[in-house]
Amino acid sequence: MTPLRRHRPGTVADSGRMRVVRSPTGPLALDDDLLVHADNLDALPLLPDGAFDMVYIDPPFGTGREQARPRLRVVADEDGERVGFHGRRYRAEEVGRLAFADDHDDLPAFLEPRLREARRLLADHGTLYVHLDPRSSHYVKVLLDGIFGRECFLNELVWAYDYGAKPRRRWPAKHDTILVYVKDRSRYWFDDAEVDREPYMAPGLVTAEQRERGKRPTDVWWHTIVPTNGAERTGYPTQKPVGIVRRMVAASSRPGGWCLDFFAGSGTLGAACRELGRRFVLVDAGADAVDVAAARLGAATPAAPRSRGAR
């Protein structure tokens, strides 16, 4: 990946439909899609009230560890540890890494001013998705009850997967938690017809028509992580699969509506919006994250709208 040129504060790089804004110093107009390189607490006040159908964030989980993803290349080596076609041997060598410190000691205190901004930025029909892990989700839920009101809690989603370490002295932790809140319980947008369908787990108990159509997902989502060698992988640590974010965008935003992610990482929300014909604003303080997201999204074009119920 070739990094973008660095820009002076307040300047803009044109990336087709998406503008990359570095260190903005004035209001951010919602015309093109935006990728903003700035601390989100500085950038969010520059966005207009009530502009977004949905907000999705995947903040640092506060694990206290560095989250890192090495970039490797494989070279021929007769003493290498990898064996390939016809017994040829290779070794892997690290050529760089993307990393950030996941070290917020008090995640609710860190998130509170940002979540208050998120509520201001949501339209009256808007929905917030906060992606967490089980160590912090209950603390953040209490915080969100105070900001949005307990009556505006819509769902606790469980994203379950089955990859990674499997310790033997406890149950392996293989799920994340996504808290869902709405701005106004009587006005929020939810379009279940736009959401992808899943196979029935007991197909013999339903009709052939139901089997063909599939079922609407529940609040437990079984979905693989981003495949190690898949085309979707950007190399960014903690990258989330576009499939789970696409589901949120499809349900909680309208065609042409604006979506926001202010812990943007590799730009997965932007990728989901591009697929579904939505607009987006992405914000991240990390130069590596902005470069990865810009490379991923800068040349992308909107896909044709999918038919209702399409997978």
Foldseek 3Di string as FASTA:
>chain_A
DDFDDDDDAQDWDALDQEIEHENRDAADDPDGFYEYADQCLVHLVSYDFAQFLEEEEEAQQQPQAKFKFFDKDKDFDQPAPDADPPRTHIHIDTPGMAIDGSHDPDVLVVCLVVVLSVLRRHHQQHKYKYKYAPVCPVVNVVSCCVRQNPLFWDDKAKEFEDDDDQDDPDGDRGIIIITMGHNHPVRHFFDQQQAAADADPCVVVDDPVCRVLHHGDDSYHYDYAQDPPDPPDLRWGPDGDLNVLLRVCRTRADQQGEYEYQCQQQNSNVVSCLAARYGYYYHHNDSVRSRNNCVVPSPDHRDDHDDGSDD
